[in-house]
Amino acid sequence: MTRHVGANSELLTIKDVARELGVGYRLAQTAINTGQIPSVVIGKCRMVSRTALDRWLLLGQPVTADLGRREPNQSRLQT
């Protein structure tokens, strides 16, 4: 489910990102949760902005199965 946030911006779900990248849901989820793909949390949903995904793709970052070995996303708020 894609959500529109402004005139030029949209937010993508993990399912949307997986479809865009042509990878499975779990691989996309791991890439997002580890911070390799930039994301934000809105309520209980982790979302990726279309702009952030496009920039990430321009950098030529690979989506590989070794994502689980990376450090957890440091941008999350500690509670």
PDB file of N, CA and C in Angstrom:
ATOM      1  N   MET A   1       0.845  -1.163   0.000  1.00  0.00           N
ATOM      2  CA  MET A   1       0.000   0.000   0.000  1.00  0.00           C
ATOM      3  C   MET A   1       0.899   1.236   0.000  1.00  0.00           C
ATOM      4  N   THR A   2       0.852   1.996  -1.045  1.00  0.00           N
ATOM      5  CA  THR A   2       1.620   3.224  -1.160  1.00  0.00           C
ATOM      6  C   THR A   2       0.803   4.364  -0.572  1.00  0.00           C
ATOM      7  N   ARG A   3       1.455   5.204   0.200  1.00  0.00           N
ATOM      8  CA  ARG A   3       0.770   6.363   0.781  1.00  0.00           C
ATOM      9  C   ARG A   3       1.397   7.627   0.229  1.00  0.00           C
ATOM     10  N   HIS A   4       0.554   8.552  -0.193  1.00  0.00           N
ATOM     11  CA  HIS A   4       1.049   9.834  -0.697  1.00  0.00           C
ATOM     12  C   HIS A   4       1.143  10.806   0.462  1.00  0.00           C
ATOM     13  N   VAL A   5       2.298  11.489   0.546  1.00  0.00           N
ATOM     14  CA  VAL A   5       2.542  12.367   1.683  1.00  0.00           C
ATOM     15  C   VAL A   5       2.579  13.817   1.279  1.00  0.00           C
ATOM     16  N   GLY A   6       2.845  14.109   0.087  1.00  0.00           N
ATOM     17  CA  GLY A   6       2.911  15.480  -0.375  1.00  0.00           C
ATOM     18  C   GLY A   6       2.796  15.487  -1.875  1.00  0.00           C
ATOM     19  N   ALA A   7       2.964  16.635  -2.450  1.00  0.00           N
ATOM     20  CA  ALA A   7       2.825  16.757  -3.898  1.00  0.00           C
ATOM     21  C   ALA A   7       3.841  15.884  -4.637  1.00  0.00           C
ATOM     22  N   ASN A   8       5.073  15.795  -4.110  1.00  0.00           N
ATOM     23  CA  ASN A   8       6.129  15.082  -4.820  1.00  0.00           C
ATOM     24  C   ASN A   8       6.678  13.901  -4.051  1.00  0.00           C
ATOM     25  N   SER A   9       6.023  13.487  -2.997  1.00  0.00           N
ATOM     26  CA  SER A   9       6.583  12.436  -2.161  1.00  0.00           C
ATOM     27  C   SER A   9       5.550  11.348  -1.917  1.00  0.00           C
ATOM     28  N   GLU A  10       6.040  10.123  -1.770  1.00  0.00           N
ATOM     29  CA  GLU A  10       5.168   9.020  -1.399  1.00  0.00           C
ATOM     30  C   GLU A  10       5.946   8.078  -0.489  1.00  0.00           C
ATOM     31  N   LEU A  11       5.221   7.370   0.339  1.00  0.00           N
ATOM     32  CA  LEU A  11       5.826   6.398   1.243  1.00  0.00           C
ATOM     33  C   LEU A  11       5.476   5.000   0.775  1.00  0.00           C
ATOM     34  N   LEU A  12       6.459   4.117   0.838  1.00  0.00           N
ATOM     35  CA  LEU A  12       6.287   2.745   0.400  1.00  0.00           C
ATOM     36  C   LEU A  12       6.347   1.795   1.584  1.00  0.00           C
ATOM     37  N   THR A  13       5.532   0.769   1.550  1.00  0.00           N
ATOM     38  CA  THR A  13       5.594  -0.277   2.564  1.00  0.00           C
ATOM     39  C   THR A  13       6.741  -1.224   2.220  1.00  0.00           C
ATOM     40  N   ILE A  14       7.037  -2.140   3.139  1.00  0.00           N
ATOM     41  CA  ILE A  14       8.071  -3.141   2.867  1.00  0.00           C
ATOM     42  C   ILE A  14       7.677  -3.967   1.651  1.00  0.00           C
ATOM     43  N   LYS A  15       6.411  -4.297   1.537  1.00  0.00           N
ATOM     44  CA  LYS A  15       5.917  -5.069   0.395  1.00  0.00           C
ATOM     45  C   LYS A  15       6.155  -4.308  -0.909  1.00  0.00           C
ATOM     46  N   ASP A  16       5.892  -2.997  -0.897  1.00  0.00           N
ATOM     47  CA  ASP A  16       6.132  -2.167  -2.083  1.00  0.00           C
ATOM     48  C   ASP A  16       7.613  -2.157  -2.453  1.00  0.00           C
ATOM     49  N   VAL A  17       8.485  -2.019  -1.446  1.00  0.00           N
ATOM     50  CA  VAL A  17       9.927  -1.986  -1.688  1.00  0.00           C
ATOM     51  C   VAL A  17      10.384  -3.317  -2.277  1.00  0.00           C
ATOM     52  N   ALA A  18       9.909  -4.424  -1.722  1.00  0.00           N
ATOM     53  CA  ALA A  18      10.279  -5.741  -2.235  1.00  0.00           C
ATOM     54  C   ALA A  18       9.885  -5.869  -3.703  1.00  0.00           C
ATOM     55  N   ARG A  19       8.687  -5.406  -4.037  1.00  0.00           N
ATOM     56  CA  ARG A  19       8.213  -5.468  -5.418  1.00  0.00           C
ATOM     57  C   ARG A  19       9.092  -4.598  -6.319  1.00  0.00           C
ATOM     58  N   GLU A  20       9.417  -3.387  -5.868  1.00  0.00           N
ATOM     59  CA  GLU A  20      10.256  -2.474  -6.652  1.00  0.00           C
ATOM     60  C   GLU A  20      11.639  -3.063  -6.919  1.00  0.00           C
ATOM     61  N   LEU A  21      12.196  -3.739  -5.922  1.00  0.00           N
ATOM     62  CA  LEU A  21      13.549  -4.284  -6.045  1.00  0.00           C
ATOM     63  C   LEU A  21      13.585  -5.668  -6.671  1.00  0.00           C
ATOM     64  N   GLY A  22      12.434  -6.313  -6.759  1.00  0.00           N
ATOM     65  CA  GLY A  22      12.387  -7.654  -7.317  1.00  0.00           C
ATOM     66  C   GLY A  22      12.995  -8.696  -6.386  1.00  0.00           C
ATOM     67  N   VAL A  23      12.811  -8.484  -5.082  1.00  0.00           N
ATOM     68  CA  VAL A  23      13.320  -9.417  -4.076  1.00  0.00           C
ATOM     69  C   VAL A  23      12.169  -9.855  -3.191  1.00  0.00           C
ATOM     70  N   GLY A  24      12.427 -10.831  -2.347  1.00  0.00           N
ATOM     71  CA  GLY A  24      11.411 -11.306  -1.422  1.00  0.00           C
ATOM     72  C   GLY A  24      11.156 -10.320  -0.292  1.00  0.00           C
ATOM     73  N   TYR A  25      10.003 -10.506   0.345  1.00  0.00           N
ATOM     74  CA  TYR A  25       9.601  -9.641   1.448  1.00  0.00           C
ATOM     75  C   TYR A  25      10.638  -9.640   2.566  1.00  0.00           C
ATOM     76  N   ARG A  26      11.116 -10.827   2.964  1.00  0.00           N
ATOM     77  CA  ARG A  26      12.048 -10.939   4.099  1.00  0.00           C
ATOM     78  C   ARG A  26      13.366 -10.227   3.814  1.00  0.00           C
ATOM     79  N   LEU A  27      13.867 -10.326   2.592  1.00  0.00           N
ATOM     80  CA  LEU A  27      15.118  -9.659   2.243  1.00  0.00           C
ATOM     81  C   LEU A  27      14.943  -8.141   2.277  1.00  0.00           C
ATOM     82  N   ALA A  28      13.829  -7.652   1.747  1.00  0.00           N
ATOM     83  CA  ALA A  28      13.550  -6.218   1.801  1.00  0.00           C
ATOM     84  C   ALA A  28      13.399  -5.764   3.250  1.00  0.00           C
ATOM     85  N   GLN A  29      12.696  -6.553   4.057  1.00  0.00           N
ATOM     86  CA  GLN A  29      12.491  -6.225   5.466  1.00  0.00           C
ATOM     87  C   GLN A  29      13.815  -6.152   6.210  1.00  0.00           C
ATOM     88  N   THR A  30      14.704  -7.088   5.957  1.00  0.00           N
ATOM     89  CA  THR A  30      16.009  -7.088   6.613  1.00  0.00           C
ATOM     90  C   THR A  30      16.823  -5.871   6.200  1.00  0.00           C
ATOM     91  N   ALA A  31      16.813  -5.541   4.911  1.00  0.00           N
ATOM     92  CA  ALA A  31      17.555  -4.372   4.419  1.00  0.00           C
ATOM     93  C   ALA A  31      17.036  -3.088   5.054  1.00  0.00           C
ATOM     94  N   ILE A  32      15.748  -3.003   5.240  1.00  0.00           N
ATOM     95  CA  ILE A  32      15.135  -1.818   5.851  1.00  0.00           C
ATOM     96  C   ILE A  32      15.408  -1.792   7.350  1.00  0.00           C
ATOM     97  N   ASN A  33      15.199  -2.913   8.039  1.00  0.00           N
ATOM     98  CA  ASN A  33      15.373  -2.958   9.488  1.00  0.00           C
ATOM     99  C   ASN A  33      16.819  -2.759   9.934  1.00  0.00           C
ATOM    100  N   THR A  34      17.770  -3.152   9.091  1.00  0.00           N
ATOM    101  CA  THR A  34      19.181  -2.964   9.439  1.00  0.00           C
ATOM    102  C   THR A  34      19.690  -1.578   9.065  1.00  0.00           C
ATOM    103  N   GLY A  35      18.854  -0.798   8.385  1.00  0.00           N
ATOM    104  CA  GLY A  35      19.243   0.560   8.029  1.00  0.00           C
ATOM    105  C   GLY A  35      19.963   0.677   6.700  1.00  0.00           C
ATOM    106  N   GLN A  36      20.120  -0.427   5.972  1.00  0.00           N
ATOM    107  CA  GLN A  36      20.773  -0.327   4.673  1.00  0.00           C
ATOM    108  C   GLN A  36      19.914   0.490   3.713  1.00  0.00           C
ATOM    109  N   ILE A  37      18.614   0.304   3.781  1.00  0.00           N
ATOM    110  CA  ILE A  37      17.684   1.145   3.033  1.00  0.00           C
ATOM    111  C   ILE A  37      17.068   2.105   4.047  1.00  0.00           C
ATOM    112  N   PRO A  38      17.215   3.415   3.842  1.00  0.00           N
ATOM    113  CA  PRO A  38      16.685   4.391   4.795  1.00  0.00           C
ATOM    114  C   PRO A  38      15.166   4.285   4.937  1.00  0.00           C
ATOM    115  N   SER A  39      14.696   4.421   6.175  1.00  0.00           N
ATOM    116  CA  SER A  39      13.255   4.324   6.419  1.00  0.00           C
ATOM    117  C   SER A  39      12.867   5.163   7.624  1.00  0.00           C
ATOM    118  N   VAL A  40      11.562   5.298   7.816  1.00  0.00           N
ATOM    119  CA  VAL A  40      11.010   5.997   8.970  1.00  0.00           C
ATOM    120  C   VAL A  40       9.916   5.127   9.563  1.00  0.00           C
ATOM    121  N   VAL A  41       9.643   5.333  10.838  1.00  0.00           N
ATOM    122  CA  VAL A  41       8.551   4.624  11.495  1.00  0.00           C
ATOM    123  C   VAL A  41       7.405   5.603  11.687  1.00  0.00           C
ATOM    124  N   ILE A  42       6.237   5.216  11.216  1.00  0.00           N
ATOM    125  CA  ILE A  42       5.029   6.019  11.382  1.00  0.00           C
ATOM    126  C   ILE A  42       4.027   5.122  12.089  1.00  0.00           C
ATOM    127  N   GLY A  43       3.769   5.451  13.350  1.00  0.00           N
ATOM    128  CA  GLY A  43       2.927   4.569  14.159  1.00  0.00           C
ATOM    129  C   GLY A  43       3.644   3.250  14.354  1.00  0.00           C
ATOM    130  N   LYS A  44       3.046   2.174  13.887  1.00  0.00           N
ATOM    131  CA  LYS A  44       3.671   0.853  13.984  1.00  0.00           C
ATOM    132  C   LYS A  44       4.230   0.388  12.639  1.00  0.00           C
ATOM    133  N   CYS A  45       4.172   1.251  11.647  1.00  0.00           N
ATOM    134  CA  CYS A  45       4.601   0.876  10.294  1.00  0.00           C
ATOM    135  C   CYS A  45       5.963   1.468   9.952  1.00  0.00           C
ATOM    136  N   ARG A  46       6.826   0.670   9.382  1.00  0.00           N
ATOM    137  CA  ARG A  46       8.105   1.159   8.861  1.00  0.00           C
ATOM    138  C   ARG A  46       7.889   1.447   7.388  1.00  0.00           C
ATOM    139  N   MET A  47       8.189   2.672   6.982  1.00  0.00           N
ATOM    140  CA  MET A  47       7.940   3.122   5.619  1.00  0.00           C
ATOM    141  C   MET A  47       9.227   3.654   4.991  1.00  0.00           C
ATOM    142  N   VAL A  48       9.307   3.576   3.675  1.00  0.00           N
ATOM    143  CA  VAL A  48      10.453   4.069   2.918  1.00  0.00           C
ATOM    144  C   VAL A  48       9.935   5.116   1.944  1.00  0.00           C
ATOM    145  N   SER A  49      10.556   6.287   1.948  1.00  0.00           N
ATOM    146  CA  SER A  49      10.112   7.304   0.995  1.00  0.00           C
ATOM    147  C   SER A  49      10.614   6.941  -0.393  1.00  0.00           C
ATOM    148  N   ARG A  50       9.809   7.260  -1.384  1.00  0.00           N
ATOM    149  CA  ARG A  50      10.181   7.004  -2.779  1.00  0.00           C
ATOM    150  C   ARG A  50      11.507   7.684  -3.096  1.00  0.00           C
ATOM    151  N   THR A  51      11.680   8.913  -2.610  1.00  0.00           N
ATOM    152  CA  THR A  51      12.916   9.661  -2.851  1.00  0.00           C
ATOM    153  C   THR A  51      14.115   8.950  -2.255  1.00  0.00           C
ATOM    154  N   ALA A  52      13.995   8.459  -1.015  1.00  0.00           N
ATOM    155  CA  ALA A  52      15.105   7.766  -0.359  1.00  0.00           C
ATOM    156  C   ALA A  52      15.449   6.473  -1.102  1.00  0.00           C
ATOM    157  N   LEU A  53      14.435   5.733  -1.541  1.00  0.00           N
ATOM    158  CA  LEU A  53      14.688   4.493  -2.266  1.00  0.00           C
ATOM    159  C   LEU A  53      15.377   4.789  -3.601  1.00  0.00           C
ATOM    160  N   ASP A  54      14.910   5.813  -4.301  1.00  0.00           N
ATOM    161  CA  ASP A  54      15.524   6.176  -5.580  1.00  0.00           C
ATOM    162  C   ASP A  54      16.979   6.594  -5.400  1.00  0.00           C
ATOM    163  N   ARG A  55      17.257   7.376  -4.355  1.00  0.00           N
ATOM    164  CA  ARG A  55      18.644   7.780  -4.090  1.00  0.00           C
ATOM    165  C   ARG A  55      19.504   6.571  -3.748  1.00  0.00           C
ATOM    166  N   TRP A  56      18.957   5.667  -2.951  1.00  0.00           N
ATOM    167  CA  TRP A  56      19.677   4.457  -2.560  1.00  0.00           C
ATOM    168  C   TRP A  56      20.008   3.623  -3.794  1.00  0.00           C
ATOM    169  N   LEU A  57      19.053   3.520  -4.715  1.00  0.00           N
ATOM    170  CA  LEU A  57      19.277   2.761  -5.940  1.00  0.00           C
ATOM    171  C   LEU A  57      20.327   3.428  -6.826  1.00  0.00           C
ATOM    172  N   LEU A  58      20.349   4.751  -6.856  1.00  0.00           N
ATOM    173  CA  LEU A  58      21.349   5.472  -7.651  1.00  0.00           C
ATOM    174  C   LEU A  58      22.764   5.201  -7.163  1.00  0.00           C
ATOM    175  N   LEU A  59      22.902   4.926  -5.875  1.00  0.00           N
ATOM    176  CA  LEU A  59      24.221   4.612  -5.322  1.00  0.00           C
ATOM    177  C   LEU A  59      24.673   3.213  -5.717  1.00  0.00           C
ATOM    178  N   GLY A  60      23.774   2.433  -6.298  1.00  0.00           N
ATOM    179  CA  GLY A  60      24.116   1.089  -6.752  1.00  0.00           C
ATOM    180  C   GLY A  60      24.324   0.100  -5.629  1.00  0.00           C
ATOM    181  N   GLN A  61      23.591   0.267  -4.543  1.00  0.00           N
ATOM    182  CA  GLN A  61      23.724  -0.629  -3.411  1.00  0.00           C
ATOM    183  C   GLN A  61      23.109  -1.993  -3.739  1.00  0.00           C
ATOM    184  N   PRO A  62      23.838  -3.080  -3.495  1.00  0.00           N
ATOM    185  CA  PRO A  62      23.272  -4.401  -3.758  1.00  0.00           C
ATOM    186  C   PRO A  62      22.313  -4.825  -2.652  1.00  0.00           C
ATOM    187  N   VAL A  63      21.329  -5.592  -3.009  1.00  0.00           N
ATOM    188  CA  VAL A  63      20.444  -6.207  -2.027  1.00  0.00           C
ATOM    189  C   VAL A  63      20.830  -7.671  -2.000  1.00  0.00           C
ATOM    190  N   THR A  64      21.503  -8.083  -0.927  1.00  0.00           N
ATOM    191  CA  THR A  64      22.004  -9.449  -0.850  1.00  0.00           C
ATOM    192  C   THR A  64      21.588 -10.106   0.448  1.00  0.00           C
ATOM    193  N   ALA A  65      21.757 -11.393   0.511  1.00  0.00           N
ATOM    194  CA  ALA A  65      21.342 -12.168   1.673  1.00  0.00           C
ATOM    195  C   ALA A  65      22.215 -11.915   2.892  1.00  0.00           C
ATOM    196  N   ASP A  66      23.366 -11.266   2.757  1.00  0.00           N
ATOM    197  CA  ASP A  66      24.236 -11.021   3.912  1.00  0.00           C
ATOM    198  C   ASP A  66      23.811  -9.802   4.719  1.00  0.00           C
ATOM    199  N   LEU A  67      22.644  -9.261   4.434  1.00  0.00           N
ATOM    200  CA  LEU A  67      22.170  -8.074   5.147  1.00  0.00           C
ATOM    201  C   LEU A  67      22.016  -8.326   6.634  1.00  0.00           C
ATOM    202  N   GLY A  68      21.676  -9.540   7.019  1.00  0.00           N
ATOM    203  CA  GLY A  68      21.461  -9.861   8.419  1.00  0.00           C
ATOM    204  C   GLY A  68      22.710  -9.717   9.269  1.00  0.00           C
ATOM    205  N   ARG A  69      23.866  -9.621   8.667  1.00  0.00           N
ATOM    206  CA  ARG A  69      25.119  -9.509   9.419  1.00  0.00           C
ATOM    207  C   ARG A  69      25.475  -8.076   9.757  1.00  0.00           C
ATOM    208  N   ARG A  70      24.690  -7.129   9.282  1.00  0.00           N
ATOM    209  CA  ARG A  70      24.989  -5.714   9.522  1.00  0.00           C
ATOM    210  C   ARG A  70      24.466  -5.272  10.880  1.00  0.00           C
ATOM    211  N   GLU A  71      24.974  -4.169  11.357  1.00  0.00           N
ATOM    212  CA  GLU A  71      24.543  -3.632  12.645  1.00  0.00           C
ATOM    213  C   GLU A  71      23.095  -3.156  12.549  1.00  0.00           C
ATOM    214  N   PRO A  72      22.346  -3.198  13.650  1.00  0.00           N
ATOM    215  CA  PRO A  72      20.959  -2.716  13.660  1.00  0.00           C
ATOM    216  C   PRO A  72      20.901  -1.227  13.318  1.00  0.00           C
ATOM    217  N   ASN A  73      19.752  -0.817  12.865  1.00  0.00           N
ATOM    218  CA  ASN A  73      19.514   0.577  12.489  1.00  0.00           C
ATOM    219  C   ASN A  73      19.722   1.474  13.707  1.00  0.00           C
ATOM    220  N   GLN A  74      20.708   2.359  13.627  1.00  0.00           N
ATOM    221  CA  GLN A  74      21.035   3.243  14.745  1.00  0.00           C
ATOM    222  C   GLN A  74      20.126   4.473  14.782  1.00  0.00           C
ATOM    223  N   SER A  75      19.320   4.682  13.744  1.00  0.00           N
ATOM    224  CA  SER A  75      18.465   5.868  13.712  1.00  0.00           C
ATOM    225  C   SER A  75      17.193   5.709  14.536  1.00  0.00           C
ATOM    226  N   ARG A  76      16.922   4.493  15.000  1.00  0.00           N
ATOM    227  CA  ARG A  76      15.730   4.296  15.828  1.00  0.00           C
ATOM    228  C   ARG A  76      15.903   4.954  17.182  1.00  0.00           C
ATOM    229  N   LEU A  77      14.823   5.467  17.708  1.00  0.00           N
ATOM    230  CA  LEU A  77      14.867   6.079  19.030  1.00  0.00           C
ATOM    231  C   LEU A  77      14.989   4.999  20.100  1.00  0.00           C
ATOM    232  N   GLN A  78      15.883   5.210  21.027  1.00  0.00           N
ATOM    233  CA  GLN A  78      16.045   4.281  22.145  1.00  0.00           C
ATOM    234  C   GLN A  78      15.017   4.617  23.220  1.00  0.00           C
ATOM    235  N   THR A  79      14.351   3.598  23.749  1.00  0.00           N
ATOM    236  CA  THR A  79      13.364   3.860  24.802  1.00  0.00           C
ATOM    237  C   THR A  79      13.794   3.226  26.094  1.00  0.00           C
TER     238      THR A  79
END
